[in-house]
């Protein structure tokens, strides 16, 4: 599916193109001159830094189909779920499969700066933003979200609500890194968390907030 500037119309608060795969820069300039309550381009994977910046500064809920997170995108994306007085925004990257420790660190630092700003203005009871990486049931040929211990350690510094979906095989060291997660809710899904070793389970048991995962087996013993 393709969209040209001449096809733009309507004044709805939500902007959603679930099947669009190509977003020309000139179209993005037209679309993001105004704000939207949500922006959804779950299949658009090739976008410019300028387009990402425009998206993130025009909504509190952004869905984008990038498969990897360039380090230069991280700071811009971090503005999306927190740059509003509600503080209840959502950043969703359902097609994401790889992320470097540096990109994860930059994204989390940007998100946490925004949370600090919200708390300073509205107090500790502000609704914390949500970040969702990967998708619950990816097609097998699309692969799973790869999460190294180093990336997990950076993501665990996030102070909002974190969803890591479609996880593949994880090392026990990754679970140890996630155990230090600082936010109120940690949601894990995918084959990599359906069967845990004793070491992995012990590490996750120390998560201070709410932990949700589709656990089916513990050390090869069905639950």
C-alpha atoms as a PDB file:
ATOM      1  CA  UNK A   1       0.000   0.000   0.000  1.00  0.00           C
ATOM      2  CA  UNK A   2       1.209   3.469  -0.827  1.00  0.00           C
ATOM      3  CA  UNK A   3      -0.059   6.922   0.075  1.00  0.00           C
ATOM      4  CA  UNK A   4       0.566  10.178  -1.749  1.00  0.00           C
ATOM      5  CA  UNK A   5      -0.016  13.707  -0.525  1.00  0.00           C
ATOM      6  CA  UNK A   6      -3.055  14.032  -2.766  1.00  0.00           C
ATOM      7  CA  UNK A   7      -4.881  11.297  -0.870  1.00  0.00           C
ATOM      8  CA  UNK A   8      -4.879  13.000   2.510  1.00  0.00           C
ATOM      9  CA  UNK A   9      -8.260  13.902   3.950  1.00  0.00           C
ATOM     10  CA  UNK A  10     -10.338  14.011   7.110  1.00  0.00           C
ATOM     11  CA  UNK A  11      -9.986  15.561  10.534  1.00  0.00           C
ATOM     12  CA  UNK A  12     -10.110  12.536  12.841  1.00  0.00           C
ATOM     13  CA  UNK A  13      -8.021  12.666  15.979  1.00  0.00           C
ATOM     14  CA  UNK A  14      -6.627   9.190  15.288  1.00  0.00           C
ATOM     15  CA  UNK A  15      -4.344   8.564  12.325  1.00  0.00           C
ATOM     16  CA  UNK A  16      -4.087   4.878  11.410  1.00  0.00           C
ATOM     17  CA  UNK A  17      -2.774   3.155   8.290  1.00  0.00           C
ATOM     18  CA  UNK A  18      -2.327  -0.510   9.307  1.00  0.00           C
ATOM     19  CA  UNK A  19      -1.316  -1.762   5.819  1.00  0.00           C
ATOM     20  CA  UNK A  20       0.787   1.155   4.606  1.00  0.00           C
ATOM     21  CA  UNK A  21       4.423   0.236   3.887  1.00  0.00           C
ATOM     22  CA  UNK A  22       5.785   3.448   2.352  1.00  0.00           C
ATOM     23  CA  UNK A  23       5.521   6.946   3.833  1.00  0.00           C
ATOM     24  CA  UNK A  24       7.044   9.623   1.544  1.00  0.00           C
ATOM     25  CA  UNK A  25       8.692  12.559   3.288  1.00  0.00           C
ATOM     26  CA  UNK A  26       6.426  15.107   1.599  1.00  0.00           C
ATOM     27  CA  UNK A  27       3.373  13.221   2.854  1.00  0.00           C
ATOM     28  CA  UNK A  28       4.781  13.122   6.371  1.00  0.00           C
ATOM     29  CA  UNK A  29       5.250  16.907   6.305  1.00  0.00           C
ATOM     30  CA  UNK A  30       1.558  17.318   5.461  1.00  0.00           C
ATOM     31  CA  UNK A  31       0.323  14.781   7.988  1.00  0.00           C
ATOM     32  CA  UNK A  32       2.293  15.982  10.977  1.00  0.00           C
ATOM     33  CA  UNK A  33       1.637  19.687  10.836  1.00  0.00           C
ATOM     34  CA  UNK A  34      -1.062  19.017  13.444  1.00  0.00           C
ATOM     35  CA  UNK A  35      -1.356  16.813  16.514  1.00  0.00           C
ATOM     36  CA  UNK A  36      -3.127  13.441  16.688  1.00  0.00           C
ATOM     37  CA  UNK A  37      -4.290  11.460  19.703  1.00  0.00           C
ATOM     38  CA  UNK A  38      -2.613   8.407  18.162  1.00  0.00           C
ATOM     39  CA  UNK A  39      -0.471   7.708  15.100  1.00  0.00           C
ATOM     40  CA  UNK A  40      -0.262   4.142  13.778  1.00  0.00           C
ATOM     41  CA  UNK A  41       2.018   2.981  10.968  1.00  0.00           C
ATOM     42  CA  UNK A  42       2.762  -0.607  12.100  1.00  0.00           C
ATOM     43  CA  UNK A  43       4.215  -1.723   8.743  1.00  0.00           C
ATOM     44  CA  UNK A  44       6.275   1.346   7.839  1.00  0.00           C
ATOM     45  CA  UNK A  45       9.894   0.384   8.505  1.00  0.00           C
ATOM     46  CA  UNK A  46      11.884   2.838   6.391  1.00  0.00           C
ATOM     47  CA  UNK A  47      11.537   6.397   7.680  1.00  0.00           C
ATOM     48  CA  UNK A  48      13.818   9.390   8.032  1.00  0.00           C
ATOM     49  CA  UNK A  49      14.951  10.897  11.312  1.00  0.00           C
ATOM     50  CA  UNK A  50      12.978  14.040  10.468  1.00  0.00           C
ATOM     51  CA  UNK A  51       9.774  12.015  10.001  1.00  0.00           C
ATOM     52  CA  UNK A  52      10.309  10.180  13.293  1.00  0.00           C
ATOM     53  CA  UNK A  53      10.840  13.491  15.087  1.00  0.00           C
ATOM     54  CA  UNK A  54       7.654  14.932  13.563  1.00  0.00           C
ATOM     55  CA  UNK A  55       5.638  11.848  14.559  1.00  0.00           C
ATOM     56  CA  UNK A  56       6.915  11.757  18.121  1.00  0.00           C
ATOM     57  CA  UNK A  57       6.166  15.435  18.670  1.00  0.00           C
ATOM     58  CA  UNK A  58       2.614  15.219  17.316  1.00  0.00           C
ATOM     59  CA  UNK A  59       1.130  12.433  19.455  1.00  0.00           C
ATOM     60  CA  UNK A  60       1.149  10.688  22.816  1.00  0.00           C
ATOM     61  CA  UNK A  61       0.612   7.242  21.242  1.00  0.00           C
ATOM     62  CA  UNK A  62       2.866   6.156  18.372  1.00  0.00           C
ATOM     63  CA  UNK A  63       3.038   2.801  16.573  1.00  0.00           C
ATOM     64  CA  UNK A  64       5.849   2.391  14.044  1.00  0.00           C
ATOM     65  CA  UNK A  65       7.070  -0.678  12.137  1.00  0.00           C
ATOM     66  CA  UNK A  66      10.846  -0.255  12.339  1.00  0.00           C
ATOM     67  CA  UNK A  67      12.718  -3.581  12.687  1.00  0.00           C
ATOM     68  CA  UNK A  68      15.775  -2.153  14.427  1.00  0.00           C
ATOM     69  CA  UNK A  69      16.220   1.003  16.489  1.00  0.00           C
ATOM     70  CA  UNK A  70      18.865   3.370  15.089  1.00  0.00           C
ATOM     71  CA  UNK A  71      20.659   5.206  17.859  1.00  0.00           C
ATOM     72  CA  UNK A  72      19.778   8.560  16.289  1.00  0.00           C
ATOM     73  CA  UNK A  73      16.045   7.711  16.535  1.00  0.00           C
ATOM     74  CA  UNK A  74      16.118   6.888  20.225  1.00  0.00           C
ATOM     75  CA  UNK A  75      16.021  10.395  21.658  1.00  0.00           C
ATOM     76  CA  UNK A  76      13.247  11.552  19.304  1.00  0.00           C
ATOM     77  CA  UNK A  77      11.058   8.516  20.023  1.00  0.00           C
ATOM     78  CA  UNK A  78      11.518   9.069  23.722  1.00  0.00           C
ATOM     79  CA  UNK A  79       9.461  12.266  23.532  1.00  0.00           C
ATOM     80  CA  UNK A  80       6.308  10.568  22.265  1.00  0.00           C
ATOM     81  CA  UNK A  81       4.671   8.993  25.344  1.00  0.00           C
ATOM     82  CA  UNK A  82       5.634  11.683  27.845  1.00  0.00           C
ATOM     83  CA  UNK A  83       5.387  15.049  26.088  1.00  0.00           C
ATOM     84  CA  UNK A  84       1.843  15.766  27.283  1.00  0.00           C
ATOM     85  CA  UNK A  85       0.176  16.660  30.558  1.00  0.00           C
ATOM     86  CA  UNK A  86      -1.570  13.299  30.929  1.00  0.00           C
ATOM     87  CA  UNK A  87       1.625  11.299  30.973  1.00  0.00           C
ATOM     88  CA  UNK A  88      -0.260   8.193  29.873  1.00  0.00           C
ATOM     89  CA  UNK A  89       1.208   7.786  26.410  1.00  0.00           C
ATOM     90  CA  UNK A  90       2.314   4.657  24.585  1.00  0.00           C
ATOM     91  CA  UNK A  91       5.229   3.946  22.250  1.00  0.00           C
ATOM     92  CA  UNK A  92       4.777   0.702  20.268  1.00  0.00           C
ATOM     93  CA  UNK A  93       7.391  -0.865  17.988  1.00  0.00           C
ATOM     94  CA  UNK A  94       5.752  -4.203  17.069  1.00  0.00           C
ATOM     95  CA  UNK A  95       8.186  -5.133  14.299  1.00  0.00           C
ATOM     96  CA  UNK A  96      11.312  -4.449  16.351  1.00  0.00           C
ATOM     97  CA  UNK A  97      13.680  -7.420  16.405  1.00  0.00           C
ATOM     98  CA  UNK A  98      17.083  -5.986  17.330  1.00  0.00           C
ATOM     99  CA  UNK A  99      18.291  -3.118  19.505  1.00  0.00           C
ATOM    100  CA  UNK A 100      21.799  -2.207  20.629  1.00  0.00           C
ATOM    101  CA  UNK A 101      22.700  -1.412  24.242  1.00  0.00           C
ATOM    102  CA  UNK A 102      23.539   2.163  23.239  1.00  0.00           C
ATOM    103  CA  UNK A 103      20.188   2.707  21.507  1.00  0.00           C
ATOM    104  CA  UNK A 104      18.352   1.174  24.478  1.00  0.00           C
ATOM    105  CA  UNK A 105      20.259   3.423  26.875  1.00  0.00           C
ATOM    106  CA  UNK A 106      19.444   6.550  24.853  1.00  0.00           C
ATOM    107  CA  UNK A 107      15.759   5.644  24.560  1.00  0.00           C
ATOM    108  CA  UNK A 108      15.402   4.958  28.279  1.00  0.00           C
ATOM    109  CA  UNK A 109      17.315   8.103  29.258  1.00  0.00           C
ATOM    110  CA  UNK A 110      14.994  10.207  27.096  1.00  0.00           C
ATOM    111  CA  UNK A 111      11.886   8.499  28.478  1.00  0.00           C
ATOM    112  CA  UNK A 112      13.006   8.878  32.084  1.00  0.00           C
ATOM    113  CA  UNK A 113      13.809  12.564  31.586  1.00  0.00           C
ATOM    114  CA  UNK A 114      10.231  13.027  30.456  1.00  0.00           C
ATOM    115  CA  UNK A 115       8.902  11.124  33.460  1.00  0.00           C
ATOM    116  CA  UNK A 116      10.933  13.360  35.773  1.00  0.00           C
ATOM    117  CA  UNK A 117       9.423  16.415  34.080  1.00  0.00           C
ATOM    118  CA  UNK A 118       5.900  15.042  34.497  1.00  0.00           C
ATOM    119  CA  UNK A 119       6.450  14.267  38.173  1.00  0.00           C
ATOM    120  CA  UNK A 120       7.857  17.739  38.767  1.00  0.00           C
ATOM    121  CA  UNK A 121       4.746  19.306  37.243  1.00  0.00           C
ATOM    122  CA  UNK A 122       1.977  16.923  38.330  1.00  0.00           C
ATOM    123  CA  UNK A 123       3.313  14.935  41.273  1.00  0.00           C
ATOM    124  CA  UNK A 124       4.083  11.283  41.903  1.00  0.00           C
ATOM    125  CA  UNK A 125       0.595  10.079  40.968  1.00  0.00           C
ATOM    126  CA  UNK A 126       0.993  10.928  37.278  1.00  0.00           C
ATOM    127  CA  UNK A 127       0.079   8.070  34.905  1.00  0.00           C
ATOM    128  CA  UNK A 128       3.337   6.547  33.693  1.00  0.00           C
ATOM    129  CA  UNK A 129       3.941   5.944  29.976  1.00  0.00           C
ATOM    130  CA  UNK A 130       4.078   2.520  28.338  1.00  0.00           C
ATOM    131  CA  UNK A 131       6.682   1.171  25.929  1.00  0.00           C
ATOM    132  CA  UNK A 132       6.037  -1.975  23.897  1.00  0.00           C
ATOM    133  CA  UNK A 133       8.831  -3.664  21.908  1.00  0.00           C
ATOM    134  CA  UNK A 134       8.096  -6.641  19.637  1.00  0.00           C
ATOM    135  CA  UNK A 135       4.747  -8.388  19.105  1.00  0.00           C
ATOM    136  CA  UNK A 136       2.994 -11.174  20.969  1.00  0.00           C
ATOM    137  CA  UNK A 137       2.686 -13.688  18.134  1.00  0.00           C
ATOM    138  CA  UNK A 138       5.181 -12.878  15.378  1.00  0.00           C
ATOM    139  CA  UNK A 139       5.233 -15.001  12.256  1.00  0.00           C
ATOM    140  CA  UNK A 140       8.033 -17.538  12.543  1.00  0.00           C
ATOM    141  CA  UNK A 141       9.806 -16.245   9.442  1.00  0.00           C
ATOM    142  CA  UNK A 142       9.832 -12.747  10.966  1.00  0.00           C
ATOM    143  CA  UNK A 143      11.966 -13.943  13.870  1.00  0.00           C
ATOM    144  CA  UNK A 144      11.732 -13.065  17.553  1.00  0.00           C
ATOM    145  CA  UNK A 145      12.822 -10.068  19.586  1.00  0.00           C
ATOM    146  CA  UNK A 146      16.495 -10.506  20.468  1.00  0.00           C
ATOM    147  CA  UNK A 147      17.335  -9.375  23.989  1.00  0.00           C
ATOM    148  CA  UNK A 148      20.919  -9.616  25.191  1.00  0.00           C
ATOM    149  CA  UNK A 149      21.857  -9.174  28.870  1.00  0.00           C
ATOM    150  CA  UNK A 150      23.413  -5.811  27.996  1.00  0.00           C
ATOM    151  CA  UNK A 151      20.219  -4.531  26.333  1.00  0.00           C
ATOM    152  CA  UNK A 152      18.064  -5.926  29.148  1.00  0.00           C
ATOM    153  CA  UNK A 153      20.197  -4.077  31.686  1.00  0.00           C
ATOM    154  CA  UNK A 154      19.547  -0.757  29.927  1.00  0.00           C
ATOM    155  CA  UNK A 155      15.820  -1.372  29.449  1.00  0.00           C
ATOM    156  CA  UNK A 156      15.494  -2.295  33.130  1.00  0.00           C
ATOM    157  CA  UNK A 157      16.328   1.328  33.989  1.00  0.00           C
ATOM    158  CA  UNK A 158      13.010   2.480  32.475  1.00  0.00           C
ATOM    159  CA  UNK A 159      10.685   3.870  35.152  1.00  0.00           C
ATOM    160  CA  UNK A 160       7.430   3.381  33.229  1.00  0.00           C
ATOM    161  CA  UNK A 161       5.508   0.298  32.088  1.00  0.00           C
ATOM    162  CA  UNK A 162       7.474  -2.046  29.833  1.00  0.00           C
ATOM    163  CA  UNK A 163       6.182  -4.693  27.409  1.00  0.00           C
ATOM    164  CA  UNK A 164       8.762  -7.024  25.807  1.00  0.00           C
ATOM    165  CA  UNK A 165       6.843  -9.245  23.409  1.00  0.00           C
ATOM    166  CA  UNK A 166       7.678 -12.146  21.117  1.00  0.00           C
ATOM    167  CA  UNK A 167      10.893 -12.928  22.979  1.00  0.00           C
ATOM    168  CA  UNK A 168      13.112 -15.713  21.672  1.00  0.00           C
ATOM    169  CA  UNK A 169      15.553 -17.776  23.725  1.00  0.00           C
ATOM    170  CA  UNK A 170      17.030 -15.802  26.607  1.00  0.00           C
ATOM    171  CA  UNK A 171      20.120 -16.438  28.700  1.00  0.00           C
ATOM    172  CA  UNK A 172      19.767 -16.576  32.485  1.00  0.00           C
ATOM    173  CA  UNK A 173      21.944 -13.449  32.562  1.00  0.00           C
ATOM    174  CA  UNK A 174      19.180 -11.613  30.702  1.00  0.00           C
ATOM    175  CA  UNK A 175      16.657 -12.504  33.410  1.00  0.00           C
ATOM    176  CA  UNK A 176      19.119 -11.351  36.063  1.00  0.00           C
ATOM    177  CA  UNK A 177      19.418  -8.004  34.256  1.00  0.00           C
ATOM    178  CA  UNK A 178      15.627  -7.623  34.012  1.00  0.00           C
ATOM    179  CA  UNK A 179      15.257  -8.314  37.738  1.00  0.00           C
ATOM    180  CA  UNK A 180      16.403  -4.771  38.480  1.00  0.00           C
ATOM    181  CA  UNK A 181      13.510  -3.264  36.464  1.00  0.00           C
ATOM    182  CA  UNK A 182      12.508   0.034  38.077  1.00  0.00           C
ATOM    183  CA  UNK A 183       8.996   0.496  36.689  1.00  0.00           C
ATOM    184  CA  UNK A 184       5.637  -0.614  38.141  1.00  0.00           C
ATOM    185  CA  UNK A 185       4.775  -3.214  35.461  1.00  0.00           C
ATOM    186  CA  UNK A 186       6.978  -5.599  33.481  1.00  0.00           C
ATOM    187  CA  UNK A 187       5.181  -7.682  30.844  1.00  0.00           C
ATOM    188  CA  UNK A 188       7.054 -10.472  29.029  1.00  0.00           C
ATOM    189  CA  UNK A 189       5.777 -12.801  26.309  1.00  0.00           C
ATOM    190  CA  UNK A 190       7.081 -15.227  23.695  1.00  0.00           C
ATOM    191  CA  UNK A 191       8.700 -18.677  23.579  1.00  0.00           C
ATOM    192  CA  UNK A 192      11.687 -17.439  25.561  1.00  0.00           C
ATOM    193  CA  UNK A 193       9.614 -16.946  28.723  1.00  0.00           C
ATOM    194  CA  UNK A 194       7.238 -19.892  28.449  1.00  0.00           C
ATOM    195  CA  UNK A 195       9.829 -22.256  29.952  1.00  0.00           C
ATOM    196  CA  UNK A 196      12.239 -20.973  32.608  1.00  0.00           C
ATOM    197  CA  UNK A 197      15.222 -22.480  34.320  1.00  0.00           C
ATOM    198  CA  UNK A 198      15.302 -22.346  38.097  1.00  0.00           C
ATOM    199  CA  UNK A 199      17.957 -19.623  37.849  1.00  0.00           C
ATOM    200  CA  UNK A 200      15.818 -17.545  35.490  1.00  0.00           C
ATOM    201  CA  UNK A 201      12.729 -17.941  37.671  1.00  0.00           C
ATOM    202  CA  UNK A 202      14.630 -16.961  40.818  1.00  0.00           C
ATOM    203  CA  UNK A 203      15.930 -13.835  39.102  1.00  0.00           C
ATOM    204  CA  UNK A 204      12.494 -12.721  37.891  1.00  0.00           C
ATOM    205  CA  UNK A 205      10.970 -13.433  41.295  1.00  0.00           C
ATOM    206  CA  UNK A 206      12.948 -10.479  42.641  1.00  0.00           C
ATOM    207  CA  UNK A 207      11.333  -7.954  40.271  1.00  0.00           C
ATOM    208  CA  UNK A 208       9.950  -5.335  42.711  1.00  0.00           C
ATOM    209  CA  UNK A 209       6.909  -4.406  40.634  1.00  0.00           C
ATOM    210  CA  UNK A 210       4.166  -6.424  38.920  1.00  0.00           C
ATOM    211  CA  UNK A 211       5.477  -9.176  36.610  1.00  0.00           C
ATOM    212  CA  UNK A 212       3.352 -10.828  33.923  1.00  0.00           C
ATOM    213  CA  UNK A 213       4.552 -13.706  31.740  1.00  0.00           C
ATOM    214  CA  UNK A 214       2.982 -16.774  30.034  1.00  0.00           C
ATOM    215  CA  UNK A 215       4.950 -19.370  32.018  1.00  0.00           C
ATOM    216  CA  UNK A 216       4.151 -22.965  31.010  1.00  0.00           C
ATOM    217  CA  UNK A 217       7.131 -24.926  32.303  1.00  0.00           C
ATOM    218  CA  UNK A 218       9.671 -24.525  35.083  1.00  0.00           C
ATOM    219  CA  UNK A 219      12.845 -26.581  34.624  1.00  0.00           C
ATOM    220  CA  UNK A 220      10.941 -28.849  32.164  1.00  0.00           C
ATOM    221  CA  UNK A 221       8.113 -29.461  34.659  1.00  0.00           C
ATOM    222  CA  UNK A 222       4.693 -28.420  33.240  1.00  0.00           C
ATOM    223  CA  UNK A 223       2.783 -26.029  35.516  1.00  0.00           C
END
